[in-house]
Amino acid sequence: MSRKLTYWQAIAEGTVQAMEADPSIIIAGQNVDDHKGSYGTTRPAFERFGAQRVIDTPNSENAVAGICIGAADQGLRPLVVHTRADFMFLAMDAMINLASKWRYMYGDKGGVPVVMRGVVGRGWGQGATHSQSLHATFGHFPGLYVAAPASPADAKGLLASALRTDTPVVLMENRSLYPVEGEVPEELTPVPFGVGRIARHGTDVTVVAASLMVHEAERAADLLAEQGVSVEVVDVRSIRPLDEDIICESVARTGRVVVADTSWARYGFSAEVAAVIAERIPGELRAPVRRITPPDCPAPVSWPLEEAFHPSAAKIAEACLGLVGWDGTAVPALSGVDAGFIGPY
C-alpha cells in the first residue's frame, strides 16, 4: 500500500534506499551534511552512511562536476546536489562537453552514471540570478536525460531510474514543491524517462506542463470546471526524452493546447512542445497554441513584481478560456486567485 510523503521526504527516502542497494552511490554537494541537509533531502543519508558517502564540497561547481564525472568513469555513481540550480552553469562544461558526449564518442562504451539534482528557487525575492529554470537548457543537448518531477512519487521514482542508468541525468526540483504531499510506494520503484502521465482528464483544452506548472494547471482546471470548461493536464515528467505521443494524443482529443512553463518562451520547453504539435498533428488544432511563461526579462526581486512575473493558475485559466471562445469579460472564479503556488520554503 502507498502512504503519503512530502516531496522532500520522498527524495530522502529514495536516496537512502538506493544507497543501501548500491554501495557505489555517493552524494556530493555544498552543505549536504549539515543539519538542514539540502532541505531535508540528504540529511537521512548522512545520518545513515556518514561523511565517507555524503560529502560536503567547496563552492567550486566546475571542479566538483569534473571530479564526480571522473569518479563515475571509475565505477562510482555520484549524486551531485546543487541547492541553487543557477550555479549549475558553472558545471555545464564538464556535463555537456564530457559526460553527455562520451558514450557517443567511444562507441556506446563510455556511459557516465552521474546524476545532478538542481533546486529551482522562487518566492521571497530571489531575483534575476536565483530564479532560473534550466531544464530546457540542459534538455537541448543529446546524451543527457533531463527530468522535472511534479509529484512526490515521481520525485522518488525518477531518482531511482537516474541512479540505475549509465546515462548522465539532470533532475530539476522546484523548491515550492518540497512540502507537497502525495502517495509514494514504500519500495524503490523506478519511473522511466520519456513516459509522461495524464495528471487530470478533460475534453476541452489540454495543458502541457512539467514540475510546478502541473500543480498550477490543476488549480486552473479546478477554476475552469466551475465555468463548465473541462481541462486535461499532461505532466511530461521528463524533458529529454520527451513523451511526444502522450502530448499529441491529448491535443488530438481536445483540439486546443496551452503549454505552461517556469522558464521563458523563446527557445524553450514551451517552444519545443509547440513545434512537436505543429509538425505531427497540425490538422488537429482548432486554435493556435498558447504559451504561458514568464515575461521575456530577468526575474525581479520585489515581491509584488515577482508574483506578477511568474506564471500562475489564473494566467493558465485565462489562456484556456481564450481558446474556447471567452469574450474577455470578468470571470468570477478567477477573481481573488493568488498569483502562484508557493510552499513554505
Protein backbone atom coordinates (compact mmCIF):
# COMPACT_ATOMS: atom_id res chain seq x y z
CA MET A 1 0.00 0.00 0.00
CA SER A 2 1.16 3.54 -0.74
CA ARG A 3 1.40 6.10 2.00
CA LYS A 4 1.69 9.85 1.84
CA LEU A 5 5.04 11.58 1.97
CA THR A 6 6.08 15.09 1.14
CA TYR A 7 8.14 15.70 -1.98
CA TRP A 8 11.37 16.17 0.02
CA GLN A 9 10.67 13.11 2.15
CA ALA A 10 10.20 11.02 -0.98
CA ILE A 11 13.58 12.17 -2.32
CA ALA A 12 15.24 11.50 1.03
CA GLU A 13 13.73 8.02 1.31
CA GLY A 14 14.59 7.11 -2.28
CA THR A 15 18.17 8.29 -1.82
CA VAL A 16 18.73 6.13 1.28
CA GLN A 17 17.10 3.09 -0.34
CA ALA A 18 19.20 3.47 -3.49
CA MET A 19 22.40 3.83 -1.44
CA GLU A 20 21.55 0.76 0.60
CA ALA A 21 21.07 -1.24 -2.59
CA ASP A 22 24.16 0.10 -4.37
CA PRO A 23 27.34 0.87 -2.38
CA SER A 24 28.82 2.73 -5.36
CA ILE A 25 26.39 5.65 -4.91
CA ILE A 26 27.83 8.69 -3.15
CA ILE A 27 26.40 12.17 -2.55
CA ALA A 28 28.39 15.35 -3.12
CA GLY A 29 27.36 18.96 -2.70
CA GLN A 30 27.50 22.07 -0.60
CA ASN A 31 26.07 21.57 2.90
CA VAL A 32 24.67 18.11 2.15
CA ASP A 33 25.87 17.08 5.61
CA ASP A 34 24.56 19.98 7.71
CA HIS A 35 21.51 19.96 9.97
CA LYS A 36 19.25 21.09 7.13
CA GLY A 37 20.70 18.65 4.63
CA SER A 38 19.59 20.26 1.38
CA TYR A 39 16.05 21.00 2.61
CA GLY A 40 15.99 17.64 4.37
CA THR A 41 16.67 15.56 1.26
CA THR A 42 20.24 14.49 2.13
CA ARG A 43 20.25 14.55 5.94
CA PRO A 44 18.86 10.99 6.39
CA ALA A 45 21.57 9.67 4.04
CA PHE A 46 24.28 11.46 6.04
CA GLU A 47 22.93 10.05 9.28
CA ARG A 48 22.84 6.57 7.75
CA PHE A 49 26.13 6.50 5.83
CA GLY A 50 28.28 9.30 7.24
CA ALA A 51 30.87 11.56 5.65
CA GLN A 52 32.50 8.83 3.57
CA ARG A 53 29.50 8.64 1.27
CA VAL A 54 27.80 12.02 1.88
CA ILE A 55 30.49 14.55 1.11
CA ASP A 56 30.39 18.30 1.73
CA THR A 57 32.09 20.15 -1.12
CA PRO A 58 33.53 23.64 -1.52
CA ASN A 59 31.87 26.37 -3.61
CA SER A 60 33.51 25.17 -6.80
CA GLU A 61 30.83 23.68 -9.01
CA ASN A 62 33.06 23.28 -12.08
CA ALA A 63 35.74 21.35 -10.18
CA VAL A 64 33.19 19.20 -8.31
CA ALA A 65 31.45 18.30 -11.58
CA GLY A 66 34.75 17.25 -13.13
CA ILE A 67 35.76 15.21 -10.09
CA CYS A 68 32.39 13.46 -9.94
CA ILE A 69 32.36 12.68 -13.65
CA GLY A 70 35.84 11.23 -13.29
CA ALA A 71 34.67 9.21 -10.30
CA ALA A 72 31.71 7.95 -12.33
CA ASP A 73 34.08 6.87 -15.09
CA GLN A 74 35.97 4.82 -12.49
CA GLY A 75 32.96 2.94 -11.16
CA LEU A 76 31.19 5.21 -8.66
CA ARG A 77 27.69 6.67 -9.05
CA PRO A 78 27.86 10.26 -7.77
CA LEU A 79 24.68 12.14 -6.92
CA VAL A 80 25.61 15.82 -7.02
CA VAL A 81 23.28 18.28 -5.28
CA HIS A 82 23.07 21.93 -6.37
CA THR A 83 20.86 23.79 -3.89
CA ARG A 84 20.78 26.68 -6.35
CA ALA A 85 20.25 25.42 -9.87
CA ASP A 86 21.59 28.70 -11.28
CA PHE A 87 25.11 27.68 -10.25
CA MET A 88 24.86 24.63 -12.46
CA PHE A 89 26.01 26.94 -15.25
CA LEU A 90 29.47 26.51 -13.69
CA ALA A 91 29.18 22.74 -14.07
CA MET A 92 27.98 22.78 -17.67
CA ASP A 93 31.41 22.44 -19.29
CA ALA A 94 32.00 19.05 -17.66
CA MET A 95 28.39 17.90 -18.02
CA ILE A 96 27.92 18.90 -21.64
CA ASN A 97 31.38 18.69 -23.19
CA LEU A 98 32.36 15.49 -21.38
CA ALA A 99 29.61 13.47 -19.69
CA SER A 100 26.91 13.90 -22.34
CA LYS A 101 29.22 13.07 -25.24
CA TRP A 102 31.41 10.21 -24.05
CA ARG A 103 29.02 7.37 -24.89
CA TYR A 104 28.74 8.66 -28.47
CA MET A 105 32.46 9.39 -28.81
CA TYR A 106 33.51 5.95 -27.53
CA GLY A 107 31.08 3.79 -29.49
CA ASP A 108 28.43 3.27 -26.80
CA LYS A 109 31.05 2.19 -24.25
CA GLY A 110 31.58 5.44 -22.38
CA GLY A 111 28.40 6.00 -20.38
CA VAL A 112 28.94 8.09 -17.27
CA PRO A 113 26.49 7.36 -14.40
CA VAL A 114 26.43 10.76 -12.75
CA VAL A 115 23.23 12.42 -11.51
CA MET A 116 22.88 16.13 -10.82
CA ARG A 117 19.98 17.50 -8.79
CA GLY A 118 19.27 21.19 -9.29
CA VAL A 119 16.93 23.08 -6.97
CA VAL A 120 14.94 25.85 -8.67
CA GLY A 121 14.08 28.83 -6.49
CA ARG A 122 11.27 31.34 -6.50
CA GLY A 123 9.40 33.34 -3.90
CA TRP A 124 10.53 35.89 -1.27
CA GLY A 125 12.52 37.93 -3.82
CA GLN A 126 15.02 35.50 -5.34
CA GLY A 127 15.98 37.92 -8.09
CA ALA A 128 17.48 37.50 -11.53
CA THR A 129 20.31 35.11 -10.62
CA HIS A 130 18.40 32.73 -8.35
CA SER A 131 15.10 32.15 -10.17
CA GLN A 132 16.09 30.44 -13.40
CA SER A 133 14.71 27.12 -14.59
CA LEU A 134 17.40 25.34 -16.60
CA HIS A 135 15.54 22.24 -17.80
CA ALA A 136 15.29 23.44 -21.40
CA THR A 137 18.95 24.50 -21.40
CA PHE A 138 20.16 21.05 -20.39
CA GLY A 139 17.47 19.37 -22.48
CA HIS A 140 18.96 20.91 -25.63
CA PHE A 141 21.98 18.61 -25.54
CA PRO A 142 21.91 14.97 -26.76
CA GLY A 143 23.42 12.48 -24.35
CA LEU A 144 21.66 13.75 -21.21
CA TYR A 145 18.41 12.73 -19.58
CA VAL A 146 16.56 15.67 -18.04
CA ALA A 147 13.51 15.40 -15.81
CA ALA A 148 11.37 17.78 -13.74
CA PRO A 149 9.15 15.68 -11.45
CA ALA A 150 5.92 17.23 -10.20
CA SER A 151 4.74 14.66 -7.64
CA PRO A 152 6.44 13.04 -4.64
CA ALA A 153 6.08 9.61 -6.24
CA ASP A 154 7.78 10.79 -9.42
CA ALA A 155 10.49 12.61 -7.47
CA LYS A 156 11.39 9.27 -5.87
CA GLY A 157 10.76 7.15 -8.96
CA LEU A 158 12.75 9.28 -11.41
CA LEU A 159 15.61 9.48 -8.91
CA ALA A 160 15.55 5.68 -8.72
CA SER A 161 15.79 5.45 -12.51
CA ALA A 162 18.54 8.08 -12.61
CA LEU A 163 20.67 6.16 -10.12
CA ARG A 164 20.41 2.96 -12.20
CA THR A 165 21.19 4.26 -15.67
CA ASP A 166 24.59 4.82 -17.25
CA THR A 167 23.30 7.96 -18.98
CA PRO A 168 24.12 11.23 -17.15
CA VAL A 169 20.97 12.74 -15.67
CA VAL A 170 19.84 16.20 -14.60
CA LEU A 171 16.90 16.32 -12.18
CA MET A 172 15.25 19.72 -11.67
CA GLU A 173 13.28 20.21 -8.45
CA ASN A 174 11.19 23.28 -7.76
CA ARG A 175 11.62 24.21 -4.11
CA SER A 176 7.96 25.19 -3.86
CA LEU A 177 7.09 21.51 -4.31
CA TYR A 178 9.06 20.24 -1.31
CA PRO A 179 6.12 20.46 1.15
CA VAL A 180 3.61 18.93 -1.31
CA GLU A 181 2.21 15.58 -0.14
CA GLY A 182 1.29 12.61 -2.26
CA GLU A 183 1.09 8.83 -2.28
CA VAL A 184 4.52 7.23 -2.58
CA PRO A 185 5.31 3.50 -2.78
CA GLU A 186 7.41 2.14 0.06
CA GLU A 187 9.61 0.19 -2.31
CA LEU A 188 12.08 1.87 -4.66
CA THR A 189 10.05 1.75 -7.87
CA PRO A 190 11.74 3.32 -10.92
CA VAL A 191 9.72 5.71 -13.09
CA PRO A 192 11.05 5.53 -16.67
CA PHE A 193 12.32 8.55 -18.52
CA GLY A 194 10.35 9.58 -21.58
CA VAL A 195 6.95 8.45 -20.26
CA GLY A 196 4.51 11.21 -19.31
CA ARG A 197 1.25 10.91 -17.41
CA ILE A 198 -2.24 12.36 -17.57
CA ALA A 199 -2.48 14.24 -14.28
CA ARG A 200 -6.14 15.14 -14.94
CA HIS A 201 -8.52 14.05 -17.69
CA GLY A 202 -10.51 16.59 -19.67
CA THR A 203 -12.17 17.18 -23.02
CA ASP A 204 -11.99 20.87 -24.00
CA VAL A 205 -8.37 22.04 -23.60
CA THR A 206 -5.03 20.33 -22.99
CA VAL A 207 -2.47 21.97 -20.71
CA VAL A 208 1.05 20.55 -21.14
CA ALA A 209 3.31 21.23 -18.18
CA ALA A 210 6.17 19.99 -16.01
CA SER A 211 7.17 20.38 -12.38
CA LEU A 212 5.45 23.25 -10.54
CA MET A 213 3.31 24.15 -13.55
CA VAL A 214 1.49 20.81 -13.31
CA HIS A 215 0.05 21.97 -10.00
CA GLU A 216 -0.79 25.41 -11.37
CA ALA A 217 -2.51 23.71 -14.32
CA GLU A 218 -4.55 21.54 -11.94
CA ARG A 219 -5.56 24.63 -9.99
CA ALA A 220 -6.58 26.28 -13.26
CA ALA A 221 -8.59 23.19 -14.16
CA ASP A 222 -10.46 23.43 -10.87
CA LEU A 223 -11.28 27.08 -11.56
CA LEU A 224 -12.46 26.37 -15.09
CA ALA A 225 -14.59 23.42 -14.07
CA GLU A 226 -16.81 25.98 -12.33
CA GLN A 227 -17.26 27.65 -15.74
CA GLY A 228 -18.09 24.39 -17.50
CA VAL A 229 -14.69 24.08 -19.20
CA SER A 230 -13.01 20.66 -18.97
CA VAL A 231 -9.19 20.79 -18.88
CA GLU A 232 -6.84 17.86 -19.42
CA VAL A 233 -3.42 18.22 -17.77
CA VAL A 234 -0.41 16.43 -19.24
CA ASP A 235 2.60 16.08 -16.96
CA VAL A 236 5.54 15.29 -19.25
CA ARG A 237 7.74 14.23 -16.30
CA SER A 238 10.92 14.24 -18.37
CA ILE A 239 12.11 16.93 -20.74
CA ARG A 240 14.57 14.68 -22.57
CA PRO A 241 13.48 12.17 -23.70
CA LEU A 242 10.11 13.83 -24.25
CA ASP A 243 6.93 11.78 -24.49
CA GLU A 244 5.63 13.25 -27.73
CA ASP A 245 2.92 10.61 -28.10
CA ILE A 246 1.06 11.48 -24.89
CA ILE A 247 1.13 15.18 -25.84
CA CYS A 248 -0.15 14.63 -29.37
CA GLU A 249 -2.80 12.11 -28.33
CA SER A 250 -4.21 14.52 -25.76
CA VAL A 251 -4.19 17.51 -28.12
CA ALA A 252 -5.84 15.39 -30.83
CA ARG A 253 -8.67 14.69 -28.37
CA THR A 254 -9.21 18.28 -27.22
CA GLY A 255 -8.10 20.27 -30.27
CA ARG A 256 -6.72 23.05 -28.08
CA VAL A 257 -3.49 23.35 -26.10
CA VAL A 258 -1.80 25.64 -23.60
CA VAL A 259 1.84 24.99 -22.70
CA ALA A 260 2.80 26.25 -19.24
CA ASP A 261 6.42 26.58 -18.19
CA THR A 262 8.50 28.20 -15.45
CA SER A 263 11.11 29.32 -17.98
CA TRP A 264 10.96 31.73 -20.89
CA ALA A 265 9.03 31.02 -24.06
CA ARG A 266 11.72 31.81 -26.60
CA TYR A 267 13.85 28.76 -27.50
CA GLY A 268 12.46 26.88 -24.50
CA PHE A 269 10.40 23.86 -23.45
CA SER A 270 7.14 25.52 -24.48
CA ALA A 271 8.59 26.25 -27.93
CA GLU A 272 9.63 22.60 -28.32
CA VAL A 273 6.17 21.31 -27.38
CA ALA A 274 4.54 23.75 -29.79
CA ALA A 275 6.90 22.60 -32.56
CA VAL A 276 6.14 18.92 -31.92
CA ILE A 277 2.41 19.60 -32.20
CA ALA A 278 2.85 21.71 -35.34
CA GLU A 279 4.97 19.05 -37.02
CA ARG A 280 2.96 15.98 -36.04
CA ILE A 281 -0.72 16.96 -35.76
CA PRO A 282 -1.27 20.44 -37.25
CA GLY A 283 -4.66 19.45 -38.62
CA GLU A 284 -6.00 18.56 -35.16
CA LEU A 285 -5.75 22.10 -33.80
CA ARG A 286 -8.93 24.14 -33.55
CA ALA A 287 -6.99 27.18 -32.34
CA PRO A 288 -3.35 28.32 -32.22
CA VAL A 289 -1.07 27.01 -29.46
CA ARG A 290 -0.90 29.30 -26.42
CA ARG A 291 2.16 29.54 -24.17
CA ILE A 292 2.11 30.74 -20.57
CA THR A 293 5.62 31.57 -19.37
CA PRO A 294 7.45 34.37 -17.55
CA PRO A 295 7.84 37.63 -19.48
CA ASP A 296 10.96 37.98 -21.61
CA CYS A 297 13.10 39.67 -18.97
CA PRO A 298 15.12 38.66 -15.89
CA ALA A 299 13.21 37.95 -12.68
CA PRO A 300 12.65 40.93 -10.36
CA VAL A 301 13.46 40.98 -6.64
CA SER A 302 10.39 42.92 -5.49
CA TRP A 303 7.77 40.55 -4.04
CA PRO A 304 4.78 42.10 -5.90
CA LEU A 305 6.73 42.19 -9.15
CA GLU A 306 7.89 38.62 -8.63
CA GLU A 307 4.29 37.46 -8.17
CA ALA A 308 3.38 39.19 -11.42
CA PHE A 309 6.45 37.75 -13.18
CA HIS A 310 5.86 34.04 -12.58
CA PRO A 311 3.11 32.14 -14.44
CA SER A 312 0.10 31.20 -12.34
CA ALA A 313 -3.15 29.27 -12.33
CA ALA A 314 -5.09 32.42 -13.18
CA LYS A 315 -2.94 33.07 -16.27
CA ILE A 316 -3.31 29.48 -17.42
CA ALA A 317 -7.08 29.64 -16.89
CA GLU A 318 -7.39 32.86 -18.90
CA ALA A 319 -5.41 31.30 -21.76
CA CYS A 320 -7.69 28.25 -21.75
CA LEU A 321 -10.78 30.45 -21.75
CA GLY A 322 -9.40 32.36 -24.72
CA LEU A 323 -9.06 29.14 -26.67
CA VAL A 324 -12.67 28.11 -26.07
CA GLY A 325 -14.08 31.49 -27.14
CA TRP A 326 -14.11 33.53 -23.95
CA ASP A 327 -15.34 37.06 -24.70
CA GLY A 328 -12.95 38.76 -22.28
CA THR A 329 -15.50 39.62 -19.61
CA ALA A 330 -14.60 39.10 -15.97
CA VAL A 331 -14.88 35.55 -14.69
CA PRO A 332 -15.91 35.34 -11.02
CA ALA A 333 -13.93 32.15 -10.43
CA LEU A 334 -10.68 33.95 -11.32
CA SER A 335 -11.17 36.94 -9.05
CA GLY A 336 -9.02 36.89 -5.96
CA VAL A 337 -6.89 33.96 -7.15
CA ASP A 338 -3.39 34.21 -5.71
CA ALA A 339 -0.57 34.67 -8.17
CA GLY A 340 1.16 31.38 -7.62
CA PHE A 341 1.59 28.14 -5.74
CA ILE A 342 4.40 28.74 -3.26
CA GLY A 343 5.29 26.40 -0.44
CA PRO A 344 6.77 27.49 2.90
CA TYR A 345 10.34 27.10 1.65
